Amino acid sequence: MLKIHGIPRSRAFRCIWAAEEAGLAYEVVPLGFAPGFKLERPLAINPNNKIPALEDGDLVLFESLAINLHIAAKAGAPLMPAGNDASRVMQWTLWTATEIEAHVMRWGYNTYLKPPADRVPAEAAAGKEALDLRLAVLERELADRPFLVGNAFTVADLNLACVLYAPWANAYDLVPFPKVKAWLDTCLTRPAALRARKQREG
């Protein structure tokens, strides 16, 4: 059984969703936050002392998107396709990490995560401006296909959609990006996503 260390209202949500999509047995080992976004207790199995971390037998992994690639590989196709499409999954996962997440967090910290007195509107605006540029790229990519890697939902869609979940759920203006909005709606209302969201949002 997979052991996912964290709480659903954290990046562990991503791994819970992946396990649900893969149909793999898992348990969540609860570990949340103290004030200031610090862990309530140390997590020795992650040298970065962050959540999530995964235990799969003797294997221990950190980094949520890497954990998801591992879970998808255990499940195989269609979640993790083979051949060139596997390379495309890696491309979009790395794009998520390098081009999307930092701007999501910059916008999010200064829009709804920090206490109102600590938010910097200029930082929120800068995060949105940078994220909009990347969403325009995604809008063009989704112009002629329903998912990132062709016609089937893969872990590439999951990894990107779970990072964009926060803007999607917190009133980000997606009107200029109708294809992105439709794709996110499709991804985040899949049965496995709804089961994971119930844990996060419940």
C-alpha atoms as a PDB file:
ATOM      1  CA  MET A   1       0.000   0.000   0.000  1.00  0.00           C
ATOM      2  CA  LEU A   2       1.175   3.501  -0.811  1.00  0.00           C
ATOM      3  CA  LYS A   3       1.731   5.809   2.147  1.00  0.00           C
ATOM      4  CA  ILE A   4       1.281   9.486   1.315  1.00  0.00           C
ATOM      5  CA  HIS A   5       2.604  11.773   4.018  1.00  0.00           C
ATOM      6  CA  GLY A   6       0.807  15.111   4.183  1.00  0.00           C
ATOM      7  CA  ILE A   7      -2.735  16.443   4.247  1.00  0.00           C
ATOM      8  CA  PRO A   8      -5.197  16.879   1.382  1.00  0.00           C
ATOM      9  CA  ARG A   9      -5.035  20.683   1.742  1.00  0.00           C
ATOM     10  CA  SER A  10      -1.427  20.663   0.548  1.00  0.00           C
ATOM     11  CA  ARG A  11       0.525  19.408  -2.430  1.00  0.00           C
ATOM     12  CA  ALA A  12      -0.314  15.923  -1.163  1.00  0.00           C
ATOM     13  CA  PHE A  13      -3.669  16.499  -2.892  1.00  0.00           C
ATOM     14  CA  ARG A  14      -1.860  15.887  -6.162  1.00  0.00           C
ATOM     15  CA  CYS A  15      -0.618  12.486  -5.060  1.00  0.00           C
ATOM     16  CA  ILE A  16      -3.989  11.489  -3.624  1.00  0.00           C
ATOM     17  CA  TRP A  17      -5.562  12.302  -6.992  1.00  0.00           C
ATOM     18  CA  ALA A  18      -2.893  10.272  -8.804  1.00  0.00           C
ATOM     19  CA  ALA A  19      -3.461   7.271  -6.550  1.00  0.00           C
ATOM     20  CA  GLU A  20      -7.206   7.543  -7.149  1.00  0.00           C
ATOM     21  CA  GLU A  21      -6.694   7.685 -10.924  1.00  0.00           C
ATOM     22  CA  ALA A  22      -4.327   4.715 -10.781  1.00  0.00           C
ATOM     23  CA  GLY A  23      -6.710   2.663  -8.671  1.00  0.00           C
ATOM     24  CA  LEU A  24      -3.949   1.893  -6.173  1.00  0.00           C
ATOM     25  CA  ALA A  25      -4.507   1.326  -2.476  1.00  0.00           C
ATOM     26  CA  TYR A  26      -3.120   4.159  -0.366  1.00  0.00           C
ATOM     27  CA  GLU A  27      -3.293   5.728   3.031  1.00  0.00           C
ATOM     28  CA  VAL A  28      -2.717   9.337   3.978  1.00  0.00           C
ATOM     29  CA  VAL A  29      -0.372   9.738   6.942  1.00  0.00           C
ATOM     30  CA  PRO A  30      -1.553  13.100   8.295  1.00  0.00           C
ATOM     31  CA  LEU A  31       1.056  15.820   8.632  1.00  0.00           C
ATOM     32  CA  GLY A  32      -0.086  19.421   8.493  1.00  0.00           C
ATOM     33  CA  PHE A  33       1.173  22.907   9.113  1.00  0.00           C
ATOM     34  CA  ALA A  34       1.876  25.066  12.115  1.00  0.00           C
ATOM     35  CA  PRO A  35       1.600  28.871  11.768  1.00  0.00           C
ATOM     36  CA  GLY A  36       3.867  30.336   9.127  1.00  0.00           C
ATOM     37  CA  PHE A  37       3.494  27.404   6.691  1.00  0.00           C
ATOM     38  CA  LYS A  38       5.939  25.272   8.748  1.00  0.00           C
ATOM     39  CA  LEU A  39       5.327  21.577   9.338  1.00  0.00           C
ATOM     40  CA  GLU A  40       3.782  20.700  12.678  1.00  0.00           C
ATOM     41  CA  ARG A  41       6.521  18.102  13.167  1.00  0.00           C
ATOM     42  CA  PRO A  42       9.638  17.032  11.227  1.00  0.00           C
ATOM     43  CA  LEU A  43       9.336  14.594   8.332  1.00  0.00           C
ATOM     44  CA  ALA A  44      12.537  12.585   8.524  1.00  0.00           C
ATOM     45  CA  ILE A  45      11.983  10.636   5.305  1.00  0.00           C
ATOM     46  CA  ASN A  46      12.148  13.840   3.242  1.00  0.00           C
ATOM     47  CA  PRO A  47      15.559  15.546   3.479  1.00  0.00           C
ATOM     48  CA  ASN A  48      13.828  18.829   2.586  1.00  0.00           C
ATOM     49  CA  ASN A  49      11.424  18.433   5.529  1.00  0.00           C
ATOM     50  CA  LYS A  50       8.434  19.148   3.275  1.00  0.00           C
ATOM     51  CA  ILE A  51       5.238  17.387   2.311  1.00  0.00           C
ATOM     52  CA  PRO A  52       4.301  15.302   0.503  1.00  0.00           C
ATOM     53  CA  ALA A  53       6.538  12.283   0.710  1.00  0.00           C
ATOM     54  CA  LEU A  54       5.692   8.800  -0.510  1.00  0.00           C
ATOM     55  CA  GLU A  55       6.540   5.381   0.842  1.00  0.00           C
ATOM     56  CA  ASP A  56       6.016   2.528  -1.613  1.00  0.00           C
ATOM     57  CA  GLY A  57       7.535  -0.515   0.034  1.00  0.00           C
ATOM     58  CA  ASP A  58      11.256   0.188   0.336  1.00  0.00           C
ATOM     59  CA  LEU A  59      11.050   3.167  -2.014  1.00  0.00           C
ATOM     60  CA  VAL A  60      10.808   6.659  -0.539  1.00  0.00           C
ATOM     61  CA  LEU A  61      10.166   9.624  -2.826  1.00  0.00           C
ATOM     62  CA  PHE A  62       9.687  13.351  -2.406  1.00  0.00           C
ATOM     63  CA  GLU A  63       8.561  16.024  -4.907  1.00  0.00           C
ATOM     64  CA  SER A  64       4.854  15.710  -5.666  1.00  0.00           C
ATOM     65  CA  LEU A  65       5.118  15.652  -9.458  1.00  0.00           C
ATOM     66  CA  ALA A  66       7.833  12.971  -9.349  1.00  0.00           C
ATOM     67  CA  ILE A  67       5.663  10.948  -6.982  1.00  0.00           C
ATOM     68  CA  ASN A  68       2.834  11.225  -9.495  1.00  0.00           C
ATOM     69  CA  LEU A  69       5.040  10.003 -12.342  1.00  0.00           C
ATOM     70  CA  HIS A  70       5.962   6.984 -10.204  1.00  0.00           C
ATOM     71  CA  ILE A  71       2.326   6.252  -9.391  1.00  0.00           C
ATOM     72  CA  ALA A  72       1.352   6.588 -13.052  1.00  0.00           C
ATOM     73  CA  ALA A  73       4.176   4.266 -14.126  1.00  0.00           C
ATOM     74  CA  LYS A  74       2.815   1.620 -11.770  1.00  0.00           C
ATOM     75  CA  ALA A  75      -0.606   1.978 -13.381  1.00  0.00           C
ATOM     76  CA  GLY A  76       0.642   2.061 -16.983  1.00  0.00           C
ATOM     77  CA  ALA A  77      -1.425   3.219 -19.939  1.00  0.00           C
ATOM     78  CA  PRO A  78      -3.457   5.305 -20.406  1.00  0.00           C
ATOM     79  CA  LEU A  79      -2.348   7.215 -17.297  1.00  0.00           C
ATOM     80  CA  MET A  80       1.308   6.749 -18.290  1.00  0.00           C
ATOM     81  CA  PRO A  81       1.610   6.031 -22.005  1.00  0.00           C
ATOM     82  CA  ALA A  82       4.631   4.475 -23.679  1.00  0.00           C
ATOM     83  CA  GLY A  83       7.078   5.588 -26.351  1.00  0.00           C
ATOM     84  CA  ASN A  84       7.070   9.167 -27.585  1.00  0.00           C
ATOM     85  CA  ASP A  85       3.990   9.979 -25.558  1.00  0.00           C
ATOM     86  CA  ALA A  86       5.882   9.113 -22.372  1.00  0.00           C
ATOM     87  CA  SER A  87       8.419  11.753 -23.371  1.00  0.00           C
ATOM     88  CA  ARG A  88       5.606  14.238 -23.925  1.00  0.00           C
ATOM     89  CA  VAL A  89       4.311  13.462 -20.432  1.00  0.00           C
ATOM     90  CA  MET A  90       7.750  14.322 -19.061  1.00  0.00           C
ATOM     91  CA  GLN A  91       7.853  17.519 -21.136  1.00  0.00           C
ATOM     92  CA  TRP A  92       4.546  18.808 -19.785  1.00  0.00           C
ATOM     93  CA  THR A  93       5.372  17.780 -16.225  1.00  0.00           C
ATOM     94  CA  LEU A  94       8.633  19.706 -16.334  1.00  0.00           C
ATOM     95  CA  TRP A  95       6.858  22.643 -17.980  1.00  0.00           C
ATOM     96  CA  THR A  96       4.442  22.620 -15.056  1.00  0.00           C
ATOM     97  CA  ALA A  97       7.301  22.790 -12.573  1.00  0.00           C
ATOM     98  CA  THR A  98       9.413  25.370 -14.401  1.00  0.00           C
ATOM     99  CA  GLU A  99       6.868  27.598 -16.151  1.00  0.00           C
ATOM    100  CA  ILE A 100       3.668  27.438 -14.099  1.00  0.00           C
ATOM    101  CA  GLU A 101       3.981  26.715 -10.405  1.00  0.00           C
ATOM    102  CA  ALA A 102       6.057  29.693  -9.252  1.00  0.00           C
ATOM    103  CA  HIS A 103       3.638  32.142 -10.874  1.00  0.00           C
ATOM    104  CA  VAL A 104       0.621  30.344  -9.417  1.00  0.00           C
ATOM    105  CA  MET A 105       2.180  30.628  -5.959  1.00  0.00           C
ATOM    106  CA  ARG A 106       3.159  34.279  -6.411  1.00  0.00           C
ATOM    107  CA  TRP A 107      -0.405  35.121  -7.355  1.00  0.00           C
ATOM    108  CA  GLY A 108      -1.939  32.852  -4.719  1.00  0.00           C
ATOM    109  CA  TYR A 109       0.120  34.017  -1.741  1.00  0.00           C
ATOM    110  CA  ASN A 110      -0.839  37.606  -2.478  1.00  0.00           C
ATOM    111  CA  THR A 111      -4.473  36.920  -3.323  1.00  0.00           C
ATOM    112  CA  TYR A 112      -5.838  34.476  -0.747  1.00  0.00           C
ATOM    113  CA  LEU A 113      -3.141  32.507   1.113  1.00  0.00           C
ATOM    114  CA  LYS A 114      -1.500  35.202   3.217  1.00  0.00           C
ATOM    115  CA  PRO A 115      -3.442  37.269   5.746  1.00  0.00           C
ATOM    116  CA  PRO A 116      -4.881  40.350   4.007  1.00  0.00           C
ATOM    117  CA  ALA A 117      -2.456  42.699   5.741  1.00  0.00           C
ATOM    118  CA  ASP A 118       0.520  40.755   4.356  1.00  0.00           C
ATOM    119  CA  ARG A 119      -0.628  40.632   0.744  1.00  0.00           C
ATOM    120  CA  VAL A 120       1.145  42.779  -1.835  1.00  0.00           C
ATOM    121  CA  PRO A 121      -1.198  43.664  -4.720  1.00  0.00           C
ATOM    122  CA  ALA A 122       1.717  44.400  -7.053  1.00  0.00           C
ATOM    123  CA  GLU A 123       3.060  40.900  -6.459  1.00  0.00           C
ATOM    124  CA  ALA A 124      -0.339  39.373  -7.175  1.00  0.00           C
ATOM    125  CA  ALA A 125      -0.540  41.378 -10.400  1.00  0.00           C
ATOM    126  CA  ALA A 126       2.971  40.346 -11.451  1.00  0.00           C
ATOM    127  CA  GLY A 127       2.161  36.692 -10.789  1.00  0.00           C
ATOM    128  CA  LYS A 128      -1.013  36.953 -12.845  1.00  0.00           C
ATOM    129  CA  GLU A 129       0.753  38.701 -15.715  1.00  0.00           C
ATOM    130  CA  ALA A 130       3.402  35.979 -15.892  1.00  0.00           C
ATOM    131  CA  LEU A 131       0.849  33.181 -15.528  1.00  0.00           C
ATOM    132  CA  ASP A 132      -1.357  34.652 -18.252  1.00  0.00           C
ATOM    133  CA  LEU A 133       1.552  34.432 -20.698  1.00  0.00           C
ATOM    134  CA  ARG A 134       1.870  30.707 -19.953  1.00  0.00           C
ATOM    135  CA  LEU A 135      -1.881  30.153 -20.114  1.00  0.00           C
ATOM    136  CA  ALA A 136      -1.846  31.693 -23.587  1.00  0.00           C
ATOM    137  CA  VAL A 137       0.670  29.034 -24.618  1.00  0.00           C
ATOM    138  CA  LEU A 138      -1.577  26.341 -23.158  1.00  0.00           C
ATOM    139  CA  GLU A 139      -4.620  27.802 -24.896  1.00  0.00           C
ATOM    140  CA  ARG A 140      -2.880  27.451 -28.257  1.00  0.00           C
ATOM    141  CA  GLU A 141      -1.727  23.910 -27.478  1.00  0.00           C
ATOM    142  CA  LEU A 142      -5.261  22.823 -26.608  1.00  0.00           C
ATOM    143  CA  ALA A 143      -6.725  24.333 -29.781  1.00  0.00           C
ATOM    144  CA  ASP A 144      -6.692  21.046 -31.693  1.00  0.00           C
ATOM    145  CA  ARG A 145      -6.778  18.327 -29.049  1.00  0.00           C
ATOM    146  CA  PRO A 146      -8.720  17.698 -25.827  1.00  0.00           C
ATOM    147  CA  PHE A 147      -5.726  16.744 -23.654  1.00  0.00           C
ATOM    148  CA  LEU A 148      -2.029  17.535 -23.474  1.00  0.00           C
ATOM    149  CA  VAL A 149      -0.933  14.261 -25.070  1.00  0.00           C
ATOM    150  CA  GLY A 150      -3.600  13.677 -27.705  1.00  0.00           C
ATOM    151  CA  ASN A 151      -7.061  12.283 -27.078  1.00  0.00           C
ATOM    152  CA  ALA A 152      -6.603  10.577 -23.710  1.00  0.00           C
ATOM    153  CA  PHE A 153      -6.197  11.918 -20.181  1.00  0.00           C
ATOM    154  CA  THR A 154      -2.711  11.173 -18.846  1.00  0.00           C
ATOM    155  CA  VAL A 155      -0.656  12.034 -15.803  1.00  0.00           C
ATOM    156  CA  ALA A 156       0.578  15.066 -17.761  1.00  0.00           C
ATOM    157  CA  ASP A 157      -2.942  16.504 -17.560  1.00  0.00           C
ATOM    158  CA  LEU A 158      -3.174  15.559 -13.900  1.00  0.00           C
ATOM    159  CA  ASN A 159       0.143  17.173 -13.004  1.00  0.00           C
ATOM    160  CA  LEU A 160      -0.667  20.443 -14.727  1.00  0.00           C
ATOM    161  CA  ALA A 161      -4.322  20.557 -13.653  1.00  0.00           C
ATOM    162  CA  CYS A 162      -3.468  19.930 -10.004  1.00  0.00           C
ATOM    163  CA  VAL A 163      -1.090  22.918 -10.005  1.00  0.00           C
ATOM    164  CA  LEU A 164      -3.746  25.052 -11.717  1.00  0.00           C
ATOM    165  CA  TYR A 165      -6.408  23.826  -9.283  1.00  0.00           C
ATOM    166  CA  ALA A 166      -5.722  26.763  -6.945  1.00  0.00           C
ATOM    167  CA  PRO A 167      -6.423  29.482  -9.543  1.00  0.00           C
ATOM    168  CA  TRP A 168      -9.396  27.480 -10.862  1.00  0.00           C
ATOM    169  CA  ALA A 169     -10.874  27.201  -7.366  1.00  0.00           C
ATOM    170  CA  ASN A 170     -10.090  30.775  -6.313  1.00  0.00           C
ATOM    171  CA  ALA A 171     -11.729  32.969  -8.936  1.00  0.00           C
ATOM    172  CA  TYR A 172      -8.781  33.434 -11.305  1.00  0.00           C
ATOM    173  CA  ASP A 173      -9.931  35.160 -14.492  1.00  0.00           C
ATOM    174  CA  LEU A 174      -9.925  32.382 -17.085  1.00  0.00           C
ATOM    175  CA  VAL A 175     -12.296  34.172 -19.481  1.00  0.00           C
ATOM    176  CA  PRO A 176      -9.451  34.934 -21.961  1.00  0.00           C
ATOM    177  CA  PHE A 177      -8.591  31.212 -22.002  1.00  0.00           C
ATOM    178  CA  PRO A 178     -11.789  29.275 -22.800  1.00  0.00           C
ATOM    179  CA  LYS A 179     -10.023  26.118 -23.934  1.00  0.00           C
ATOM    180  CA  VAL A 180      -7.909  26.065 -20.783  1.00  0.00           C
ATOM    181  CA  LYS A 181     -11.055  26.571 -18.701  1.00  0.00           C
ATOM    182  CA  ALA A 182     -12.893  23.747 -20.485  1.00  0.00           C
ATOM    183  CA  TRP A 183      -9.884  21.435 -20.121  1.00  0.00           C
ATOM    184  CA  LEU A 184      -9.559  22.247 -16.412  1.00  0.00           C
ATOM    185  CA  ASP A 185     -13.277  21.667 -15.890  1.00  0.00           C
ATOM    186  CA  THR A 186     -12.950  18.272 -17.561  1.00  0.00           C
ATOM    187  CA  CYS A 187      -9.866  17.253 -15.579  1.00  0.00           C
ATOM    188  CA  LEU A 188     -11.051  18.465 -12.201  1.00  0.00           C
ATOM    189  CA  THR A 189     -14.489  16.859 -12.448  1.00  0.00           C
ATOM    190  CA  ARG A 190     -13.263  13.377 -13.300  1.00  0.00           C
ATOM    191  CA  PRO A 191     -14.507  10.800 -10.753  1.00  0.00           C
ATOM    192  CA  ALA A 192     -11.015  10.315  -9.293  1.00  0.00           C
ATOM    193  CA  ALA A 193     -10.488  14.071  -9.074  1.00  0.00           C
ATOM    194  CA  LEU A 194     -13.812  14.486  -7.301  1.00  0.00           C
ATOM    195  CA  ARG A 195     -12.838  11.841  -4.752  1.00  0.00           C
ATOM    196  CA  ALA A 196      -9.549  13.622  -4.099  1.00  0.00           C
ATOM    197  CA  ARG A 197     -11.250  17.018  -3.998  1.00  0.00           C
ATOM    198  CA  LYS A 198     -13.762  15.732  -1.459  1.00  0.00           C
ATOM    199  CA  GLN A 199     -10.839  15.059   0.883  1.00  0.00           C
ATOM    200  CA  ARG A 200      -9.331  18.477   0.219  1.00  0.00           C
ATOM    201  CA  GLU A 201     -12.498  20.529   0.266  1.00  0.00           C
ATOM    202  CA  GLY A 202     -14.544  18.564   2.796  1.00  0.00           C
END
